[in-house]
PDB file of N, CA and C in Angstrom:
ATOM      1  N   ILE A   1      84.471 111.405 123.577  1.00  0.00           N
ATOM      2  CA  ILE A   1      83.963 111.632 124.919  1.00  0.00           C
ATOM      3  C   ILE A   1      84.919 112.549 125.681  1.00  0.00           C
ATOM      4  N   ASP A   2      86.216 112.348 125.466  1.00  0.00           N
ATOM      5  CA  ASP A   2      87.207 113.186 126.131  1.00  0.00           C
ATOM      6  C   ASP A   2      87.028 114.657 125.729  1.00  0.00           C
ATOM      7  N   MET A   3      86.811 114.886 124.438  1.00  0.00           N
ATOM      8  CA  MET A   3      86.618 116.261 123.958  1.00  0.00           C
ATOM      9  C   MET A   3      85.369 116.881 124.594  1.00  0.00           C
ATOM     10  N   ALA A   4      84.293 116.122 124.717  1.00  0.00           N
ATOM     11  CA  ALA A   4      83.066 116.641 125.332  1.00  0.00           C
ATOM     12  C   ALA A   4      83.299 116.994 126.793  1.00  0.00           C
ATOM     13  N   ILE A   5      84.038 116.156 127.504  1.00  0.00           N
ATOM     14  CA  ILE A   5      84.335 116.429 128.914  1.00  0.00           C
ATOM     15  C   ILE A   5      85.165 117.705 129.051  1.00  0.00           C
ATOM     16  N   VAL A   6      86.162 117.859 128.191  1.00  0.00           N
ATOM     17  CA  VAL A   6      87.008 119.052 128.246  1.00  0.00           C
ATOM     18  C   VAL A   6      86.196 120.304 127.924  1.00  0.00           C
ATOM     19  N   ILE A   7      85.347 120.241 126.903  1.00  0.00           N
ATOM     20  CA  ILE A   7      84.524 121.402 126.532  1.00  0.00           C
ATOM     21  C   ILE A   7      83.571 121.766 127.657  1.00  0.00           C
ATOM     22  N   ILE A   8      82.900 120.778 128.251  1.00  0.00           N
ATOM     23  CA  ILE A   8      81.976 121.049 129.354  1.00  0.00           C
ATOM     24  C   ILE A   8      82.726 121.640 130.545  1.00  0.00           C
ATOM     25  N   HIS A   9      83.910 121.119 130.833  1.00  0.00           N
ATOM     26  CA  HIS A   9      84.715 121.639 131.942  1.00  0.00           C
ATOM     27  C   HIS A   9      85.073 123.113 131.704  1.00  0.00           C
ATOM     28  N   HIS A  10      85.518 123.447 130.507  1.00  0.00           N
ATOM     29  CA  HIS A  10      85.925 124.818 130.229  1.00  0.00           C
ATOM     30  C   HIS A  10      84.731 125.778 130.246  1.00  0.00           C
ATOM     31  N   ILE A  11      83.599 125.351 129.724  1.00  0.00           N
ATOM     32  CA  ILE A  11      82.402 126.206 129.748  1.00  0.00           C
ATOM     33  C   ILE A  11      81.946 126.410 131.192  1.00  0.00           C
ATOM     34  N   ALA A  12      81.935 125.358 132.006  1.00  0.00           N
ATOM     35  CA  ALA A  12      81.542 125.481 133.411  1.00  0.00           C
ATOM     36  C   ALA A  12      82.496 126.402 134.162  1.00  0.00           C
ATOM     37  N   TYR A  13      83.778 126.308 133.856  1.00  0.00           N
ATOM     38  CA  TYR A  13      84.772 127.177 134.486  1.00  0.00           C
ATOM     39  C   TYR A  13      84.505 128.638 134.126  1.00  0.00           C
ATOM     40  N   LYS A  14      84.212 128.898 132.857  1.00  0.00           N
ATOM     41  CA  LYS A  14      83.917 130.273 132.420  1.00  0.00           C
ATOM     42  C   LYS A  14      82.678 130.804 133.128  1.00  0.00           C
ATOM     43  N   ILE A  15      81.639 129.972 133.203  1.00  0.00           N
ATOM     44  CA  ILE A  15      80.390 130.409 133.834  1.00  0.00           C
ATOM     45  C   ILE A  15      80.599 130.663 135.324  1.00  0.00           C
ATOM     46  N   SER A  16      81.358 129.785 136.003  1.00  0.00           N
ATOM     47  CA  SER A  16      81.572 129.959 137.441  1.00  0.00           C
ATOM     48  C   SER A  16      82.402 131.205 137.758  1.00  0.00           C
ATOM     49  N   ASP A  17      83.271 131.612 136.850  1.00  0.00           N
ATOM     50  CA  ASP A  17      84.054 132.830 137.046  1.00  0.00           C
ATOM     51  C   ASP A  17      83.314 134.083 136.597  1.00  0.00           C
ATOM     52  N   GLY A  18      82.120 133.916 136.031  1.00  0.00           N
ATOM     53  CA  GLY A  18      81.339 135.061 135.578  1.00  0.00           C
ATOM     54  C   GLY A  18      81.841 135.662 134.282  1.00  0.00           C
ATOM     55  N   ILE A  19      82.612 134.923 133.523  1.00  0.00           N
ATOM     56  CA  ILE A  19      83.149 135.412 132.252  1.00  0.00           C
ATOM     57  C   ILE A  19      82.144 135.090 131.153  1.00  0.00           C
ATOM     58  N   ARG A  20      81.824 136.096 130.370  1.00  0.00           N
ATOM     59  CA  ARG A  20      80.885 135.895 129.266  1.00  0.00           C
ATOM     60  C   ARG A  20      81.646 135.522 128.011  1.00  0.00           C
ATOM     61  N   MET A  21      81.085 134.591 127.285  1.00  0.00           N
ATOM     62  CA  MET A  21      81.699 134.165 126.030  1.00  0.00           C
ATOM     63  C   MET A  21      81.338 135.147 124.923  1.00  0.00           C
ATOM     64  N   LYS A  22      82.267 135.355 124.025  1.00  0.00           N
ATOM     65  CA  LYS A  22      82.043 136.251 122.889  1.00  0.00           C
ATOM     66  C   LYS A  22      81.171 135.549 121.859  1.00  0.00           C
ATOM     67  N   LEU A  23      80.543 136.341 120.992  1.00  0.00           N
ATOM     68  CA  LEU A  23      79.636 135.802 119.985  1.00  0.00           C
ATOM     69  C   LEU A  23      80.352 134.838 119.046  1.00  0.00           C
ATOM     70  N   TRP A  24      81.572 135.165 118.643  1.00  0.00           N
ATOM     71  CA  TRP A  24      82.269 134.279 117.704  1.00  0.00           C
ATOM     72  C   TRP A  24      82.676 132.975 118.375  1.00  0.00           C
ATOM     73  N   GLU A  25      82.906 133.004 119.709  1.00  0.00           N
ATOM     74  CA  GLU A  25      83.194 131.769 120.430  1.00  0.00           C
ATOM     75  C   GLU A  25      81.952 130.883 120.500  1.00  0.00           C
ATOM     76  N   LEU A  26      80.812 131.505 120.753  1.00  0.00           N
ATOM     77  CA  LEU A  26      79.562 130.748 120.764  1.00  0.00           C
ATOM     78  C   LEU A  26      79.254 130.174 119.384  1.00  0.00           C
ATOM     79  N   THR A  27      79.537 130.959 118.339  1.00  0.00           N
ATOM     80  CA  THR A  27      79.314 130.490 116.973  1.00  0.00           C
ATOM     81  C   THR A  27      80.208 129.295 116.662  1.00  0.00           C
ATOM     82  N   LEU A  28      81.454 129.358 117.085  1.00  0.00           N
ATOM     83  CA  LEU A  28      82.375 128.241 116.880  1.00  0.00           C
ATOM     84  C   LEU A  28      81.901 127.006 117.633  1.00  0.00           C
ATOM     85  N   GLY A  29      81.432 127.180 118.848  1.00  0.00           N
ATOM     86  CA  GLY A  29      80.899 126.060 119.623  1.00  0.00           C
ATOM     87  C   GLY A  29      79.655 125.455 118.993  1.00  0.00           C
ATOM     88  N   LEU A  30      78.764 126.301 118.492  1.00  0.00           N
ATOM     89  CA  LEU A  30      77.562 125.820 117.819  1.00  0.00           C
ATOM     90  C   LEU A  30      77.912 125.070 116.537  1.00  0.00           C
ATOM     91  N   PHE A  31      78.867 125.589 115.785  1.00  0.00           N
ATOM     92  CA  PHE A  31      79.309 124.914 114.566  1.00  0.00           C
ATOM     93  C   PHE A  31      79.903 123.550 114.890  1.00  0.00           C
ATOM     94  N   THR A  32      80.665 123.478 115.984  1.00  0.00           N
ATOM     95  CA  THR A  32      81.247 122.211 116.414  1.00  0.00           C
ATOM     96  C   THR A  32      80.151 121.199 116.738  1.00  0.00           C
ATOM     97  N   ILE A  33      79.128 121.625 117.449  1.00  0.00           N
ATOM     98  CA  ILE A  33      78.017 120.733 117.795  1.00  0.00           C
ATOM     99  C   ILE A  33      77.292 120.257 116.547  1.00  0.00           C
ATOM    100  N   ILE A  34      77.066 121.151 115.595  1.00  0.00           N
ATOM    101  CA  ILE A  34      76.411 120.775 114.340  1.00  0.00           C
ATOM    102  C   ILE A  34      77.240 119.739 113.588  1.00  0.00           C
ATOM    103  N   MET A  35      78.554 119.932 113.539  1.00  0.00           N
ATOM    104  CA  MET A  35      79.408 118.981 112.840  1.00  0.00           C
ATOM    105  C   MET A  35      79.441 117.626 113.559  1.00  0.00           C
ATOM    106  N   ILE A  36      79.379 117.633 114.885  1.00  0.00           N
ATOM    107  CA  ILE A  36      79.315 116.381 115.635  1.00  0.00           C
ATOM    108  C   ILE A  36      78.041 115.623 115.272  1.00  0.00           C
ATOM    109  N   LEU A  37      76.916 116.331 115.260  1.00  0.00           N
ATOM    110  CA  LEU A  37      75.649 115.678 114.938  1.00  0.00           C
ATOM    111  C   LEU A  37      75.628 115.158 113.506  1.00  0.00           C
ATOM    112  N   LEU A  38      76.179 115.944 112.571  1.00  0.00           N
ATOM    113  CA  LEU A  38      76.239 115.481 111.178  1.00  0.00           C
ATOM    114  C   LEU A  38      77.135 114.253 111.038  1.00  0.00           C
ATOM    115  N   SER A  39      78.263 114.264 111.719  1.00  0.00           N
ATOM    116  CA  SER A  39      79.163 113.110 111.606  1.00  0.00           C
ATOM    117  C   SER A  39      78.530 111.863 112.218  1.00  0.00           C
ATOM    118  N   LEU A  40      77.804 112.013 113.325  1.00  0.00           N
ATOM    119  CA  LEU A  40      77.110 110.865 113.900  1.00  0.00           C
ATOM    120  C   LEU A  40      76.020 110.350 112.970  1.00  0.00           C
ATOM    121  N   TYR A  41      75.338 111.257 112.285  1.00  0.00           N
ATOM    122  CA  TYR A  41      74.308 110.842 111.326  1.00  0.00           C
ATOM    123  C   TYR A  41      74.927 110.057 110.175  1.00  0.00           C
ATOM    124  N   PHE A  42      75.986 110.576 109.590  1.00  0.00           N
ATOM    125  CA  PHE A  42      76.604 109.893 108.456  1.00  0.00           C
ATOM    126  C   PHE A  42      77.299 108.599 108.886  1.00  0.00           C
ATOM    127  N   TYR A  43      77.761 108.539 110.132  1.00  0.00           N
ATOM    128  CA  TYR A  43      78.436 107.337 110.613  1.00  0.00           C
ATOM    129  C   TYR A  43      77.468 106.159 110.706  1.00  0.00           C
ATOM    130  N   GLN A  44      76.248 106.417 111.131  1.00  0.00           N
ATOM    131  CA  GLN A  44      75.302 105.325 111.335  1.00  0.00           C
ATOM    132  C   GLN A  44      74.664 104.823 110.051  1.00  0.00           C
ATOM    133  N   LEU A  45      74.863 105.507 108.924  1.00  0.00           N
ATOM    134  CA  LEU A  45      74.314 105.037 107.658  1.00  0.00           C
ATOM    135  C   LEU A  45      75.144 103.868 107.119  1.00  0.00           C
ATOM    136  N   PRO A  46      74.490 102.786 106.701  1.00  0.00           N
ATOM    137  CA  PRO A  46      75.259 101.646 106.186  1.00  0.00           C
ATOM    138  C   PRO A  46      75.839 101.948 104.808  1.00  0.00           C
ATOM    139  N   THR A  47      77.074 101.516 104.578  1.00  0.00           N
ATOM    140  CA  THR A  47      77.702 101.741 103.275  1.00  0.00           C
ATOM    141  C   THR A  47      78.189 100.453 102.630  1.00  0.00           C
ATOM    142  N   ILE A  48      78.351  99.401 103.423  1.00  0.00           N
ATOM    143  CA  ILE A  48      78.797  98.123 102.871  1.00  0.00           C
ATOM    144  C   ILE A  48      78.026  96.996 103.550  1.00  0.00           C
ATOM    145  N   LYS A  49      78.146  95.811 102.979  1.00  0.00           N
ATOM    146  CA  LYS A  49      77.551  94.618 103.588  1.00  0.00           C
ATOM    147  C   LYS A  49      78.652  93.577 103.714  1.00  0.00           C
ATOM    148  N   ASN A  50      79.086  93.314 104.928  1.00  0.00           N
ATOM    149  CA  ASN A  50      80.213  92.418 105.171  1.00  0.00           C
ATOM    150  C   ASN A  50      79.842  90.938 105.123  1.00  0.00           C
ATOM    151  N   SER A  51      78.568  90.627 105.240  1.00  0.00           N
ATOM    152  CA  SER A  51      78.188  89.229 105.386  1.00  0.00           C
ATOM    153  C   SER A  51      78.075  88.480 104.058  1.00  0.00           C
ATOM    154  N   GLY A  52      78.118  89.150 102.930  1.00  0.00           N
ATOM    155  CA  GLY A  52      77.948  88.483 101.646  1.00  0.00           C
ATOM    156  C   GLY A  52      79.216  88.472 100.824  1.00  0.00           C
ATOM    157  N   SER A  53      79.047  88.132  99.568  1.00  0.00           N
ATOM    158  CA  SER A  53      80.185  88.124  98.657  1.00  0.00           C
ATOM    159  C   SER A  53      80.533  89.546  98.232  1.00  0.00           C
ATOM    160  N   GLN A  54      81.614  89.666  97.484  1.00  0.00           N
ATOM    161  CA  GLN A  54      82.046  90.986  97.029  1.00  0.00           C
ATOM    162  C   GLN A  54      81.017  91.599  96.072  1.00  0.00           C
ATOM    163  N   GLU A  55      80.388  90.780  95.253  1.00  0.00           N
ATOM    164  CA  GLU A  55      79.373  91.276  94.329  1.00  0.00           C
ATOM    165  C   GLU A  55      78.145  91.785  95.073  1.00  0.00           C
ATOM    166  N   GLU A  56      77.738  91.057  96.113  1.00  0.00           N
ATOM    167  CA  GLU A  56      76.596  91.504  96.920  1.00  0.00           C
ATOM    168  C   GLU A  56      76.929  92.794  97.654  1.00  0.00           C
ATOM    169  N   SER A  57      78.149  92.900  98.145  1.00  0.00           N
ATOM    170  CA  SER A  57      78.561  94.116  98.833  1.00  0.00           C
ATOM    171  C   SER A  57      78.589  95.306  97.873  1.00  0.00           C
ATOM    172  N   ALA A  58      79.013  95.085  96.638  1.00  0.00           N
ATOM    173  CA  ALA A  58      79.048  96.167  95.651  1.00  0.00           C
ATOM    174  C   ALA A  58      77.647  96.673  95.348  1.00  0.00           C
ATOM    175  N   LYS A  59      76.663  95.793  95.357  1.00  0.00           N
ATOM    176  CA  LYS A  59      75.271  96.207  95.133  1.00  0.00           C
ATOM    177  C   LYS A  59      74.753  97.042  96.301  1.00  0.00           C
ATOM    178  N   TYR A  60      75.312  96.812  97.474  1.00  0.00           N
ATOM    179  CA  TYR A  60      74.872  97.485  98.693  1.00  0.00           C
ATOM    180  C   TYR A  60      75.493  98.869  98.863  1.00  0.00           C
ATOM    181  N   ASN A  61      76.507  99.201  98.060  1.00  0.00           N
ATOM    182  CA  ASN A  61      77.168 100.497  98.174  1.00  0.00           C
ATOM    183  C   ASN A  61      76.180 101.629  97.993  1.00  0.00           C
ATOM    184  N   SER A  62      76.367 102.684  98.756  1.00  0.00           N
ATOM    185  CA  SER A  62      75.459 103.817  98.672  1.00  0.00           C
ATOM    186  C   SER A  62      75.824 104.708  97.491  1.00  0.00           C
ATOM    187  N   GLU A  63      74.853 105.487  97.087  1.00  0.00           N
ATOM    188  CA  GLU A  63      75.046 106.414  95.976  1.00  0.00           C
ATOM    189  C   GLU A  63      75.951 107.570  96.405  1.00  0.00           C
ATOM    190  N   CYS A  64      76.639 108.131  95.440  1.00  0.00           N
ATOM    191  CA  CYS A  64      77.440 109.325  95.707  1.00  0.00           C
ATOM    192  C   CYS A  64      76.492 110.516  95.801  1.00  0.00           C
ATOM    193  N   ILE A  65      76.571 111.238  96.910  1.00  0.00           N
ATOM    194  CA  ILE A  65      75.587 112.299  97.149  1.00  0.00           C
ATOM    195  C   ILE A  65      76.183 113.702  97.090  1.00  0.00           C
ATOM    196  N   LEU A  66      77.492 113.837  97.123  1.00  0.00           N
ATOM    197  CA  LEU A  66      78.107 115.157  97.069  1.00  0.00           C
ATOM    198  C   LEU A  66      78.994 115.243  95.833  1.00  0.00           C
ATOM    199  N   PHE A  67      78.657 116.137  94.947  1.00  0.00           N
ATOM    200  CA  PHE A  67      79.384 116.344  93.686  1.00  0.00           C
ATOM    201  C   PHE A  67      79.430 115.076  92.831  1.00  0.00           C
ATOM    202  N   ASN A  68      78.479 114.186  93.066  1.00  0.00           N
ATOM    203  CA  ASN A  68      78.403 112.918  92.334  1.00  0.00           C
ATOM    204  C   ASN A  68      79.719 112.137  92.437  1.00  0.00           C
ATOM    205  N   PHE A  69      80.422 112.315  93.551  1.00  0.00           N
ATOM    206  CA  PHE A  69      81.709 111.645  93.748  1.00  0.00           C
ATOM    207  C   PHE A  69      81.856 111.076  95.160  1.00  0.00           C
ATOM    208  N   PHE A  70      81.392 111.806  96.178  1.00  0.00           N
ATOM    209  CA  PHE A  70      81.568 111.409  97.572  1.00  0.00           C
ATOM    210  C   PHE A  70      80.310 110.735  98.099  1.00  0.00           C
ATOM    211  N   ASP A  71      80.495 109.613  98.806  1.00  0.00           N
ATOM    212  CA  ASP A  71      79.351 108.941  99.421  1.00  0.00           C
ATOM    213  C   ASP A  71      79.259 109.333 100.901  1.00  0.00           C
ATOM    214  N   THR A  72      78.344 108.685 101.615  1.00  0.00           N
ATOM    215  CA  THR A  72      78.106 109.065 103.011  1.00  0.00           C
ATOM    216  C   THR A  72      79.304 108.761 103.909  1.00  0.00           C
ATOM    217  N   HIS A  73      80.065 107.736 103.577  1.00  0.00           N
ATOM    218  CA  HIS A  73      81.248 107.424 104.379  1.00  0.00           C
ATOM    219  C   HIS A  73      82.297 108.528 104.251  1.00  0.00           C
ATOM    220  N   ASP A  74      82.446 109.058 103.047  1.00  0.00           N
ATOM    221  CA  ASP A  74      83.373 110.184 102.849  1.00  0.00           C
ATOM    222  C   ASP A  74      82.898 111.411 103.617  1.00  0.00           C
ATOM    223  N   LEU A  75      81.591 111.657 103.601  1.00  0.00           N
ATOM    224  CA  LEU A  75      81.052 112.802 104.341  1.00  0.00           C
ATOM    225  C   LEU A  75      81.257 112.628 105.842  1.00  0.00           C
ATOM    226  N   TRP A  76      81.194 111.380 106.324  1.00  0.00           N
ATOM    227  CA  TRP A  76      81.486 111.141 107.725  1.00  0.00           C
ATOM    228  C   TRP A  76      82.927 111.541 108.044  1.00  0.00           C
ATOM    229  N   HIS A  77      83.857 111.188 107.164  1.00  0.00           N
ATOM    230  CA  HIS A  77      85.255 111.573 107.373  1.00  0.00           C
ATOM    231  C   HIS A  77      85.412 113.096 107.376  1.00  0.00           C
ATOM    232  N   PHE A  78      84.767 113.772 106.441  1.00  0.00           N
ATOM    233  CA  PHE A  78      84.865 115.241 106.371  1.00  0.00           C
ATOM    234  C   PHE A  78      84.299 115.880 107.632  1.00  0.00           C
ATOM    235  N   CYS A  79      83.097 115.457 108.030  1.00  0.00           N
ATOM    236  CA  CYS A  79      82.440 116.065 109.192  1.00  0.00           C
ATOM    237  C   CYS A  79      83.189 115.764 110.490  1.00  0.00           C
ATOM    238  N   SER A  80      83.647 114.525 110.659  1.00  0.00           N
ATOM    239  CA  SER A  80      84.334 114.190 111.907  1.00  0.00           C
ATOM    240  C   SER A  80      85.680 114.895 112.022  1.00  0.00           C
ATOM    241  N   SER A  81      86.401 115.015 110.927  1.00  0.00           N
ATOM    242  CA  SER A  81      87.680 115.736 111.012  1.00  0.00           C
ATOM    243  C   SER A  81      87.451 117.221 111.257  1.00  0.00           C
ATOM    244  N   THR A  82      86.368 117.758 110.695  1.00  0.00           N
ATOM    245  CA  THR A  82      86.053 119.173 110.917  1.00  0.00           C
ATOM    246  C   THR A  82      85.704 119.432 112.374  1.00  0.00           C
ATOM    247  N   TRP A  83      84.868 118.565 112.969  1.00  0.00           N
ATOM    248  CA  TRP A  83      84.509 118.832 114.364  1.00  0.00           C
ATOM    249  C   TRP A  83      85.681 118.588 115.306  1.00  0.00           C
ATOM    250  N   MET A  84      86.578 117.652 114.972  1.00  0.00           N
ATOM    251  CA  MET A  84      87.744 117.467 115.835  1.00  0.00           C
ATOM    252  C   MET A  84      88.642 118.709 115.815  1.00  0.00           C
ATOM    253  N   PHE A  85      88.771 119.321 114.641  1.00  0.00           N
ATOM    254  CA  PHE A  85      89.567 120.544 114.553  1.00  0.00           C
ATOM    255  C   PHE A  85      88.874 121.704 115.263  1.00  0.00           C
ATOM    256  N   THR A  86      87.582 121.928 114.952  1.00  0.00           N
ATOM    257  CA  THR A  86      86.887 123.065 115.557  1.00  0.00           C
ATOM    258  C   THR A  86      86.687 122.860 117.052  1.00  0.00           C
ATOM    259  N   GLY A  87      86.533 121.611 117.495  1.00  0.00           N
ATOM    260  CA  GLY A  87      86.416 121.349 118.931  1.00  0.00           C
ATOM    261  C   GLY A  87      87.698 121.695 119.665  1.00  0.00           C
ATOM    262  N   THR A  88      88.822 121.300 119.085  1.00  0.00           N
ATOM    263  CA  THR A  88      90.115 121.648 119.677  1.00  0.00           C
ATOM    264  C   THR A  88      90.320 123.151 119.667  1.00  0.00           C
ATOM    265  N   LEU A  89      89.972 123.803 118.573  1.00  0.00           N
ATOM    266  CA  LEU A  89      90.081 125.256 118.475  1.00  0.00           C
ATOM    267  C   LEU A  89      89.178 125.935 119.501  1.00  0.00           C
ATOM    268  N   PHE A  90      87.976 125.404 119.690  1.00  0.00           N
ATOM    269  CA  PHE A  90      87.027 125.964 120.649  1.00  0.00           C
ATOM    270  C   PHE A  90      87.588 125.894 122.068  1.00  0.00           C
ATOM    271  N   VAL A  91      88.164 124.769 122.438  1.00  0.00           N
ATOM    272  CA  VAL A  91      88.772 124.637 123.772  1.00  0.00           C
ATOM    273  C   VAL A  91      89.954 125.597 123.899  1.00  0.00           C
ATOM    274  N   TRP A  92      90.717 125.729 122.851  1.00  0.00           N
ATOM    275  CA  TRP A  92      91.880 126.610 122.882  1.00  0.00           C
ATOM    276  C   TRP A  92      91.467 128.073 123.072  1.00  0.00           C
ATOM    277  N   VAL A  93      90.417 128.535 122.387  1.00  0.00           N
ATOM    278  CA  VAL A  93      90.021 129.943 122.517  1.00  0.00           C
ATOM    279  C   VAL A  93      89.301 130.206 123.827  1.00  0.00           C
ATOM    280  N   LEU A  94      88.795 129.169 124.483  1.00  0.00           N
ATOM    281  CA  LEU A  94      88.128 129.373 125.779  1.00  0.00           C
ATOM    282  C   LEU A  94      89.125 129.631 126.899  1.00  0.00           C
ATOM    283  N   ASN A  95      90.365 129.220 126.721  1.00  0.00           N
ATOM    284  CA  ASN A  95      91.367 129.388 127.791  1.00  0.00           C
ATOM    285  C   ASN A  95      91.765 130.816 127.962  1.00  0.00           C
TER     286      ASN A  95
END
């Protein structure tokens, strides 16, 4: 939420000063938004079942969907770390 507030503040500041954003800055911002949405999607997918035994939880594990090795929880980690980096970079280039 803090990152969203900072990004909105910087964009509003740019608009109020009449400064136009460059195409690559807009592309970076759009990529950040896409990664946020992907990470939220992968975060809400269930990957374990805490209420049962270990055997029941193992049956509940999701299939590996990327390179037959990474599951949705791993993709959530990849997407969220990517948007945190690109979001910080986006705020930095807006200054």
